[in-house]
């Protein structure tokens, strides 16, 4: 869908910079969405000052390898960084690391900063982009502060977990979502004994449902993982300040040299909320990623934006959302025409299994699942269908079909479900 952003909102007095006359753009957050916003601003010819303010001590980096290749030892940490310092300098993009924005004054278009090396102070902006991301949920149980209990969100988290897995021993993973399953696979690959606790009946129950969730149960059990479904954490126990056991509500006491907690993430909305920007399970934004306050945009994990393809707002926590929402906001800021036909997309790698998913199935939607291929051999595509219309598709060890899956999700009207299930029928032939 092509959208014209219309006239730029009025900002402070324009400043000469780099051969153009434009306002400054400050991006709060130092992840992929922030880097992509800055990158696209320059590609679109935006010539004003661009500043990225990130609280981590690192330049922007890619997160998917942290739970995959880096954690499994296939890549070094250096491979996750999107660009080096020279790349940003050559494009006149200032990156302030180890710096936290503590307050936003939207009336004055000013930020309050706190950071290392004398970076405290104020920073003015013409346009503000919130790319504050999200943080892992924590368990509020006794012993949660013991050493050896990990989450996985940052470069430093991944490095610490890889070192822990290298020591071997007993690993307890709390939560059988994507992060939980990928870390379980990495721990098995490092030679650890792995138990996964999951309150639901299968892995990924809320995302994929029981039928497909059981596919991942069997996959991990074949590699030695033990699942304890219907179980959570009552407490952590330890010795000398380090975790040694996980206690479940049923009274089981599981040996644990390392614990990984993967029970979801929370959007970092506090800064926006305190500034009077509308928040509802994320920072509320329209199809151009504009928030309720003029001159302020939200991108990546923190944004709950209106998806014109689906016709409703949603907040997406996966890599592709960070990759693609930043450029949409950047083009709107630069005054370019914007095409927004995004659909949720994610991928995962576990053992030898690779998968891609695109689309969205709203919670409590009654769907039919149509399978195409061999589920038993884990080479198939599954489609979630309502009244013949495809809402989403999951490709497992089947490649070069995800663009066709996206086209089916975007397509109006029903498809022939018999042909949809027949691998001999090209998916493109089902499009109206």
Protein backbone atom coordinates (compact mmCIF):
# COMPACT_ATOMS: atom_id res chain seq x y z
CA UNK A 1 0.00 0.00 0.00
CA UNK A 2 1.51 3.32 -1.09
CA UNK A 3 0.87 6.17 1.31
CA UNK A 4 1.75 9.82 0.91
CA UNK A 5 2.97 11.24 4.20
CA UNK A 6 1.70 14.71 3.37
CA UNK A 7 3.39 17.86 4.59
CA UNK A 8 6.04 17.52 7.28
CA UNK A 9 4.93 18.67 10.72
CA UNK A 10 6.23 22.07 11.69
CA UNK A 11 9.43 21.88 13.76
CA UNK A 12 11.96 24.21 15.29
CA UNK A 13 14.04 26.60 13.20
CA UNK A 14 15.78 24.74 10.41
CA UNK A 15 19.54 24.36 10.47
CA UNK A 16 22.05 24.14 7.63
CA UNK A 17 23.84 20.77 7.60
CA UNK A 18 25.62 18.71 5.00
CA UNK A 19 24.39 20.78 2.08
CA UNK A 20 20.68 20.73 3.03
CA UNK A 21 18.29 22.73 5.19
CA UNK A 22 16.40 20.32 7.47
CA UNK A 23 15.59 19.62 11.11
CA UNK A 24 17.56 17.16 13.20
CA UNK A 25 16.35 13.60 13.83
CA UNK A 26 17.17 11.94 17.14
CA UNK A 27 16.60 8.20 17.46
CA UNK A 28 16.25 6.85 21.00
CA UNK A 29 17.42 3.24 21.14
CA UNK A 30 20.46 1.51 19.71
CA UNK A 31 19.15 -1.60 18.00
CA UNK A 32 18.35 -2.72 14.46
CA UNK A 33 15.28 -0.47 14.14
CA UNK A 34 17.37 2.57 15.10
CA UNK A 35 20.15 1.74 12.65
CA UNK A 36 17.71 1.09 9.82
CA UNK A 37 15.96 4.39 10.47
CA UNK A 38 19.24 6.31 10.28
CA UNK A 39 20.44 4.36 7.26
CA UNK A 40 17.23 5.02 5.30
CA UNK A 41 17.18 8.70 6.19
CA UNK A 42 20.51 9.10 4.44
CA UNK A 43 19.43 6.93 1.51
CA UNK A 44 16.37 9.16 1.07
CA UNK A 45 18.56 12.25 0.94
CA UNK A 46 17.85 13.59 4.40
CA UNK A 47 20.75 15.98 5.04
CA UNK A 48 20.14 17.14 8.61
CA UNK A 49 21.78 15.93 11.79
CA UNK A 50 20.98 12.32 12.72
CA UNK A 51 21.77 11.12 16.24
CA UNK A 52 21.29 7.62 17.67
CA UNK A 53 21.20 7.47 21.48
CA UNK A 54 21.61 3.96 22.91
CA UNK A 55 21.99 2.79 26.49
CA UNK A 56 24.19 -0.21 25.64
CA UNK A 57 27.96 0.24 25.24
CA UNK A 58 27.80 -1.28 21.75
CA UNK A 59 27.05 -0.01 18.27
CA UNK A 60 23.71 -1.24 16.85
CA UNK A 61 23.61 -4.97 16.21
CA UNK A 62 21.38 -7.78 14.95
CA UNK A 63 19.64 -9.91 17.59
CA UNK A 64 18.64 -13.19 15.83
CA UNK A 65 22.19 -14.64 15.83
CA UNK A 66 22.37 -14.18 19.61
CA UNK A 67 20.07 -17.18 20.15
CA UNK A 68 21.28 -19.05 17.07
CA UNK A 69 24.79 -18.96 15.54
CA UNK A 70 26.52 -16.95 18.28
CA UNK A 71 25.03 -19.00 21.11
CA UNK A 72 25.80 -22.23 19.28
CA UNK A 73 29.37 -21.14 18.60
CA UNK A 74 29.00 -20.90 14.83
CA UNK A 75 29.67 -17.16 14.73
CA UNK A 76 31.75 -14.78 16.76
CA UNK A 77 30.08 -11.83 18.47
CA UNK A 78 31.69 -9.38 16.03
CA UNK A 79 29.49 -10.78 13.25
CA UNK A 80 26.29 -9.36 14.76
CA UNK A 81 27.22 -5.69 14.41
CA UNK A 82 25.44 -4.00 11.54
CA UNK A 83 28.13 -1.44 10.70
CA UNK A 84 31.44 -0.29 12.15
CA UNK A 85 32.14 3.16 13.51
CA UNK A 86 33.60 4.39 10.22
CA UNK A 87 30.34 3.60 8.40
CA UNK A 88 28.37 5.90 10.70
CA UNK A 89 31.04 8.60 10.56
CA UNK A 90 31.11 8.56 6.75
CA UNK A 91 27.35 9.23 6.74
CA UNK A 92 27.46 11.90 9.44
CA UNK A 93 25.40 9.74 11.79
CA UNK A 94 26.33 10.35 15.41
CA UNK A 95 26.00 7.33 17.70
CA UNK A 96 26.02 7.96 21.43
CA UNK A 97 26.49 4.67 23.28
CA UNK A 98 26.15 4.08 27.04
CA UNK A 99 23.70 6.98 27.14
CA UNK A 100 20.15 6.78 28.52
CA UNK A 101 17.31 9.17 27.78
CA UNK A 102 15.61 9.80 31.11
CA UNK A 103 12.91 12.25 30.00
CA UNK A 104 11.25 13.71 26.91
CA UNK A 105 9.85 17.25 26.79
CA UNK A 106 7.66 17.15 23.69
CA UNK A 107 6.71 20.85 23.97
CA UNK A 108 10.34 21.99 23.95
CA UNK A 109 11.42 19.08 21.70
CA UNK A 110 14.20 18.24 24.12
CA UNK A 111 15.63 15.12 25.76
CA UNK A 112 17.29 14.73 29.15
CA UNK A 113 20.33 12.44 28.98
CA UNK A 114 22.29 10.43 31.51
CA UNK A 115 25.40 8.55 30.55
CA UNK A 116 29.09 7.89 30.71
CA UNK A 117 31.96 10.23 29.91
CA UNK A 118 30.15 13.47 30.57
CA UNK A 119 27.17 12.75 28.32
CA UNK A 120 24.64 14.04 30.85
CA UNK A 121 22.67 17.05 29.71
CA UNK A 122 20.02 18.10 27.20
CA UNK A 123 19.61 17.24 23.52
CA UNK A 124 17.21 19.06 21.23
CA UNK A 125 15.45 17.38 18.31
CA UNK A 126 13.34 18.38 15.35
CA UNK A 127 11.88 14.91 14.91
CA UNK A 128 12.09 12.13 17.48
CA UNK A 129 12.04 8.40 16.72
CA UNK A 130 11.38 6.04 19.63
CA UNK A 131 13.18 2.74 19.06
CA UNK A 132 13.38 1.81 22.74
CA UNK A 133 12.68 -1.87 22.14
CA UNK A 134 11.73 -4.27 24.89
CA UNK A 135 13.12 -6.15 27.85
CA UNK A 136 12.71 -9.73 29.10
CA UNK A 137 10.02 -10.47 31.63
CA UNK A 138 11.42 -11.52 35.00
CA UNK A 139 10.08 -14.07 37.45
CA UNK A 140 8.99 -12.65 40.79
CA UNK A 141 9.84 -15.71 42.88
CA UNK A 142 12.27 -16.39 45.74
CA UNK A 143 15.86 -16.77 44.58
CA UNK A 144 15.36 -14.98 41.25
CA UNK A 145 18.45 -12.86 41.91
CA UNK A 146 20.84 -15.82 42.22
CA UNK A 147 23.85 -15.99 39.92
CA UNK A 148 23.49 -18.48 37.07
CA UNK A 149 19.96 -17.34 36.13
CA UNK A 150 20.00 -15.83 32.66
CA UNK A 151 17.76 -14.13 30.14
CA UNK A 152 18.71 -13.63 26.50
CA UNK A 153 18.32 -10.23 24.91
CA UNK A 154 21.72 -8.59 24.48
CA UNK A 155 25.19 -9.36 23.14
CA UNK A 156 26.45 -9.67 26.70
CA UNK A 157 23.60 -12.08 27.57
CA UNK A 158 24.52 -14.33 24.64
CA UNK A 159 28.20 -14.33 25.52
CA UNK A 160 27.48 -15.19 29.16
CA UNK A 161 25.15 -18.04 28.18
CA UNK A 162 27.59 -19.50 25.68
CA UNK A 163 30.25 -19.60 28.40
CA UNK A 164 27.78 -21.21 30.83
CA UNK A 165 26.76 -23.89 28.33
CA UNK A 166 30.43 -24.63 27.61
CA UNK A 167 30.80 -25.65 31.26
CA UNK A 168 28.16 -28.35 30.73
CA UNK A 169 25.96 -29.75 33.48
CA UNK A 170 22.23 -29.35 34.07
CA UNK A 171 20.32 -26.59 32.30
CA UNK A 172 16.74 -25.70 33.12
CA UNK A 173 14.91 -23.58 30.56
CA UNK A 174 11.79 -21.80 31.79
CA UNK A 175 9.40 -21.24 28.90
CA UNK A 176 9.03 -23.14 25.62
CA UNK A 177 8.64 -20.19 23.28
CA UNK A 178 11.06 -19.41 20.46
CA UNK A 179 13.85 -18.18 22.72
CA UNK A 180 13.39 -21.11 25.10
CA UNK A 181 13.52 -23.67 22.31
CA UNK A 182 16.51 -22.10 20.57
CA UNK A 183 18.49 -21.88 23.80
CA UNK A 184 17.54 -25.48 24.64
CA UNK A 185 18.90 -26.58 21.25
CA UNK A 186 22.12 -24.64 21.85
CA UNK A 187 22.53 -26.16 25.31
CA UNK A 188 22.04 -29.68 23.93
CA UNK A 189 24.60 -28.92 21.23
CA UNK A 190 27.09 -27.95 23.94
CA UNK A 191 26.57 -31.28 25.71
CA UNK A 192 24.31 -30.13 28.55
CA UNK A 193 21.41 -32.03 30.09
CA UNK A 194 18.28 -29.94 29.44
CA UNK A 195 14.88 -29.75 31.11
CA UNK A 196 12.24 -27.31 29.80
CA UNK A 197 9.41 -26.09 32.04
CA UNK A 198 6.29 -24.91 30.25
CA UNK A 199 2.86 -24.17 31.81
CA UNK A 200 1.06 -24.88 28.51
CA UNK A 201 0.43 -28.38 27.05
CA UNK A 202 2.99 -28.00 24.22
CA UNK A 203 5.78 -25.70 23.13
CA UNK A 204 4.57 -22.59 21.29
CA UNK A 205 1.01 -23.40 22.29
CA UNK A 206 -0.24 -19.82 22.03
CA UNK A 207 1.48 -19.24 18.68
CA UNK A 208 1.05 -22.49 16.79
CA UNK A 209 -1.57 -24.45 18.74
CA UNK A 210 -1.38 -28.04 20.02
CA UNK A 211 -0.99 -29.89 16.69
CA UNK A 212 2.07 -27.99 15.51
CA UNK A 213 3.37 -27.54 19.03
CA UNK A 214 3.65 -31.32 19.32
CA UNK A 215 5.97 -31.33 16.27
CA UNK A 216 8.47 -29.35 18.33
CA UNK A 217 7.95 -31.57 21.36
CA UNK A 218 9.04 -34.60 19.36
CA UNK A 219 11.92 -32.75 17.71
CA UNK A 220 13.48 -31.73 21.02
CA UNK A 221 12.77 -35.03 22.76
CA UNK A 222 14.64 -36.83 19.97
CA UNK A 223 17.67 -34.73 20.94
CA UNK A 224 17.40 -35.58 24.63
CA UNK A 225 15.40 -32.63 25.98
CA UNK A 226 12.97 -33.41 28.81
CA UNK A 227 9.74 -31.38 28.90
CA UNK A 228 7.68 -30.83 32.00
CA UNK A 229 4.40 -29.40 30.72
CA UNK A 230 1.93 -27.79 33.10
CA UNK A 231 4.86 -26.68 35.26
CA UNK A 232 6.34 -23.34 36.20
CA UNK A 233 8.70 -22.06 38.88
CA UNK A 234 7.87 -21.82 42.58
CA UNK A 235 11.37 -20.78 43.64
CA UNK A 236 15.07 -20.98 42.88
CA UNK A 237 17.46 -22.44 45.46
CA UNK A 238 21.19 -22.00 45.60
CA UNK A 239 24.44 -22.29 47.46
CA UNK A 240 27.01 -19.52 47.93
CA UNK A 241 24.82 -17.13 45.97
CA UNK A 242 24.53 -19.34 42.88
CA UNK A 243 21.52 -21.30 41.64
CA UNK A 244 21.62 -25.06 42.15
CA UNK A 245 17.94 -26.10 41.96
CA UNK A 246 14.61 -25.06 40.49
CA UNK A 247 11.54 -25.81 42.59
CA UNK A 248 8.25 -26.27 40.72
CA UNK A 249 4.70 -25.81 42.08
CA UNK A 250 4.30 -29.61 42.12
CA UNK A 251 7.23 -29.85 44.54
CA UNK A 252 9.81 -31.16 42.08
CA UNK A 253 13.35 -29.93 42.78
CA UNK A 254 15.37 -29.94 39.57
CA UNK A 255 19.16 -29.77 39.50
CA UNK A 256 20.34 -26.62 37.75
CA UNK A 257 23.83 -25.39 37.01
CA UNK A 258 22.35 -22.85 34.60
CA UNK A 259 18.83 -21.47 34.24
CA UNK A 260 17.45 -19.65 31.20
CA UNK A 261 14.24 -17.67 31.69
CA UNK A 262 12.37 -17.07 28.45
CA UNK A 263 8.85 -16.06 29.40
CA UNK A 264 8.30 -13.20 26.99
CA UNK A 265 9.23 -9.54 26.73
CA UNK A 266 7.75 -6.20 27.75
CA UNK A 267 7.85 -3.10 25.53
CA UNK A 268 9.87 -0.23 26.97
CA UNK A 269 7.05 2.33 26.98
CA UNK A 270 7.77 4.12 30.24
CA UNK A 271 9.65 7.00 28.65
CA UNK A 272 6.88 7.65 26.13
CA UNK A 273 4.12 7.29 28.70
CA UNK A 274 5.76 9.81 31.04
CA UNK A 275 5.94 12.25 28.11
CA UNK A 276 2.19 12.01 27.46
CA UNK A 277 2.47 9.90 24.30
CA UNK A 278 -0.39 7.40 23.87
CA UNK A 279 0.54 3.90 25.04
CA UNK A 280 -1.47 0.66 24.76
CA UNK A 281 0.64 -2.52 24.84
CA UNK A 282 3.30 -0.47 23.09
CA UNK A 283 3.57 3.06 21.80
CA UNK A 284 0.48 3.65 19.65
CA UNK A 285 1.32 4.63 16.06
CA UNK A 286 -0.39 4.88 12.70
CA UNK A 287 0.56 3.20 9.41
CA UNK A 288 3.44 5.68 8.97
CA UNK A 289 4.67 4.99 12.51
CA UNK A 290 3.56 8.46 13.71
CA UNK A 291 2.55 8.60 17.37
CA UNK A 292 -0.12 10.73 19.04
CA UNK A 293 2.39 13.60 19.44
CA UNK A 294 3.42 15.63 16.42
CA UNK A 295 7.01 15.04 15.38
CA UNK A 296 7.38 11.77 17.32
CA UNK A 297 7.54 8.34 15.63
CA UNK A 298 7.85 4.82 17.10
CA UNK A 299 9.53 1.84 15.41
CA UNK A 300 10.50 -1.74 16.20
CA UNK A 301 9.38 -3.80 19.21
CA UNK A 302 8.01 -0.83 21.13
CA UNK A 303 5.56 0.29 18.42
CA UNK A 304 1.96 -0.88 18.29
CA UNK A 305 1.16 0.37 14.81
CA UNK A 306 -1.82 0.17 12.49
CA UNK A 307 -1.17 -2.44 9.81
CA UNK A 308 -3.01 -1.37 6.63
CA UNK A 309 -2.67 -4.83 5.09
CA UNK A 310 -4.39 -6.58 8.00
CA UNK A 311 -6.66 -3.68 8.89
CA UNK A 312 -5.89 -3.56 12.60
CA UNK A 313 -3.07 -2.50 14.95
CA UNK A 314 -0.55 -4.94 16.34
CA UNK A 315 2.81 -5.00 18.05
CA UNK A 316 5.32 -7.43 16.52
CA UNK A 317 8.35 -8.61 18.47
CA UNK A 318 10.34 -10.19 15.67
CA UNK A 319 13.40 -9.22 13.64
CA UNK A 320 11.58 -8.32 10.42
CA UNK A 321 9.48 -5.72 12.21
CA UNK A 322 12.62 -3.93 13.44
CA UNK A 323 14.17 -4.30 9.98
CA UNK A 324 11.24 -2.76 8.12
CA UNK A 325 9.43 -0.26 10.35
CA UNK A 326 12.45 2.00 10.71
CA UNK A 327 12.63 2.63 6.94
CA UNK A 328 8.89 3.39 6.79
CA UNK A 329 9.27 6.06 9.47
CA UNK A 330 12.42 7.40 7.79
CA UNK A 331 10.70 7.80 4.42
CA UNK A 332 7.78 9.57 6.07
CA UNK A 333 10.17 11.93 7.87
CA UNK A 334 12.05 12.61 4.62
CA UNK A 335 8.78 13.42 2.84
CA UNK A 336 9.01 10.47 0.44
CA UNK A 337 6.09 8.35 -0.67
CA UNK A 338 5.85 5.28 1.53
CA UNK A 339 4.80 1.74 0.67
CA UNK A 340 3.55 -0.14 3.72
CA UNK A 341 2.41 -3.65 2.86
CA UNK A 342 4.25 -5.34 5.73
CA UNK A 343 3.18 -8.63 7.24
CA UNK A 344 4.57 -10.18 10.42
CA UNK A 345 7.44 -12.55 9.64
CA UNK A 346 9.87 -14.60 11.68
CA UNK A 347 12.26 -17.50 11.28
CA UNK A 348 13.92 -20.03 13.54
CA UNK A 349 16.62 -22.69 13.37
CA UNK A 350 16.68 -25.64 15.78
CA UNK A 351 18.98 -28.63 15.24
CA UNK A 352 18.58 -29.29 11.50
CA UNK A 353 15.11 -27.81 11.27
CA UNK A 354 14.54 -24.40 9.70
CA UNK A 355 11.24 -22.59 9.51
CA UNK A 356 9.65 -19.38 8.31
CA UNK A 357 6.29 -17.91 9.34
CA UNK A 358 4.30 -15.00 7.97
CA UNK A 359 0.87 -13.58 8.71
CA UNK A 360 -1.13 -13.13 11.87
CA UNK A 361 -3.77 -15.17 13.66
CA UNK A 362 -5.57 -13.04 16.26
CA UNK A 363 -5.99 -14.76 19.60
CA UNK A 364 -9.22 -16.73 20.08
CA UNK A 365 -9.77 -16.95 16.31
CA UNK A 366 -11.25 -20.31 15.31
CA UNK A 367 -9.18 -21.52 12.37
CA UNK A 368 -8.72 -24.60 10.23
CA UNK A 369 -5.15 -25.75 9.62
CA UNK A 370 -4.42 -26.99 6.11
CA UNK A 371 -1.23 -29.04 5.71
CA UNK A 372 0.77 -29.27 2.50
CA UNK A 373 3.61 -31.80 2.49
CA UNK A 374 4.85 -34.40 4.96
CA UNK A 375 4.33 -33.42 8.59
CA UNK A 376 5.86 -36.65 9.92
CA UNK A 377 9.09 -35.96 8.00
CA UNK A 378 8.99 -32.28 9.05
CA UNK A 379 8.89 -31.02 5.48
CA UNK A 380 5.61 -29.17 5.10
CA UNK A 381 3.74 -25.90 4.94
CA UNK A 382 0.85 -25.27 7.33
CA UNK A 383 -1.81 -22.65 6.61
CA UNK A 384 -4.21 -21.10 9.11
CA UNK A 385 -7.49 -20.60 7.28
CA UNK A 386 -10.84 -18.95 8.11
CA UNK A 387 -13.71 -19.42 5.64
CA UNK A 388 -11.21 -20.27 2.93
CA UNK A 389 -9.02 -17.19 3.45
CA UNK A 390 -5.39 -17.69 4.48
CA UNK A 391 -4.42 -15.76 7.64
CA UNK A 392 -0.89 -17.12 8.04
CA UNK A 393 1.50 -19.80 6.87
CA UNK A 394 4.38 -21.74 8.40
CA UNK A 395 7.00 -23.35 6.14
CA UNK A 396 9.07 -26.08 7.85
CA UNK A 397 12.14 -27.23 5.91
CA UNK A 398 10.44 -26.05 2.71
CA UNK A 399 12.20 -23.14 1.06
CA UNK A 400 11.43 -20.42 -1.46
CA UNK A 401 7.72 -20.38 -0.70
CA UNK A 402 7.38 -17.67 1.95
CA UNK A 403 6.76 -14.88 -0.59
CA UNK A 404 3.90 -16.94 -2.04
CA UNK A 405 2.59 -17.45 1.49
CA UNK A 406 2.61 -13.68 2.02
CA UNK A 407 0.79 -13.19 -1.28
CA UNK A 408 -1.93 -15.63 -0.20
CA UNK A 409 -2.34 -13.78 3.10
CA UNK A 410 -2.67 -10.47 1.25
CA UNK A 411 -5.06 -11.90 -1.34
CA UNK A 412 -8.74 -11.02 -1.02
CA UNK A 413 -11.26 -13.82 -0.82
CA UNK A 414 -11.03 -17.59 -0.34
CA UNK A 415 -8.74 -20.10 -2.04
CA UNK A 416 -9.34 -23.69 -3.11
CA UNK A 417 -8.32 -25.65 0.00
CA UNK A 418 -7.93 -28.95 -1.88
CA UNK A 419 -5.40 -27.38 -4.23
CA UNK A 420 -3.80 -25.52 -1.31
CA UNK A 421 -3.03 -28.89 0.31
CA UNK A 422 -1.65 -30.40 -2.92
CA UNK A 423 2.15 -29.92 -3.26
CA UNK A 424 1.80 -30.45 -7.01
CA UNK A 425 -0.10 -27.16 -7.33
CA UNK A 426 2.18 -24.11 -7.32
CA UNK A 427 1.05 -21.70 -4.64
CA UNK A 428 1.20 -18.85 -7.14
CA UNK A 429 -1.53 -20.59 -9.16
CA UNK A 430 -3.93 -20.16 -6.22
CA UNK A 431 -3.76 -16.38 -6.32
CA UNK A 432 -6.79 -14.59 -7.78
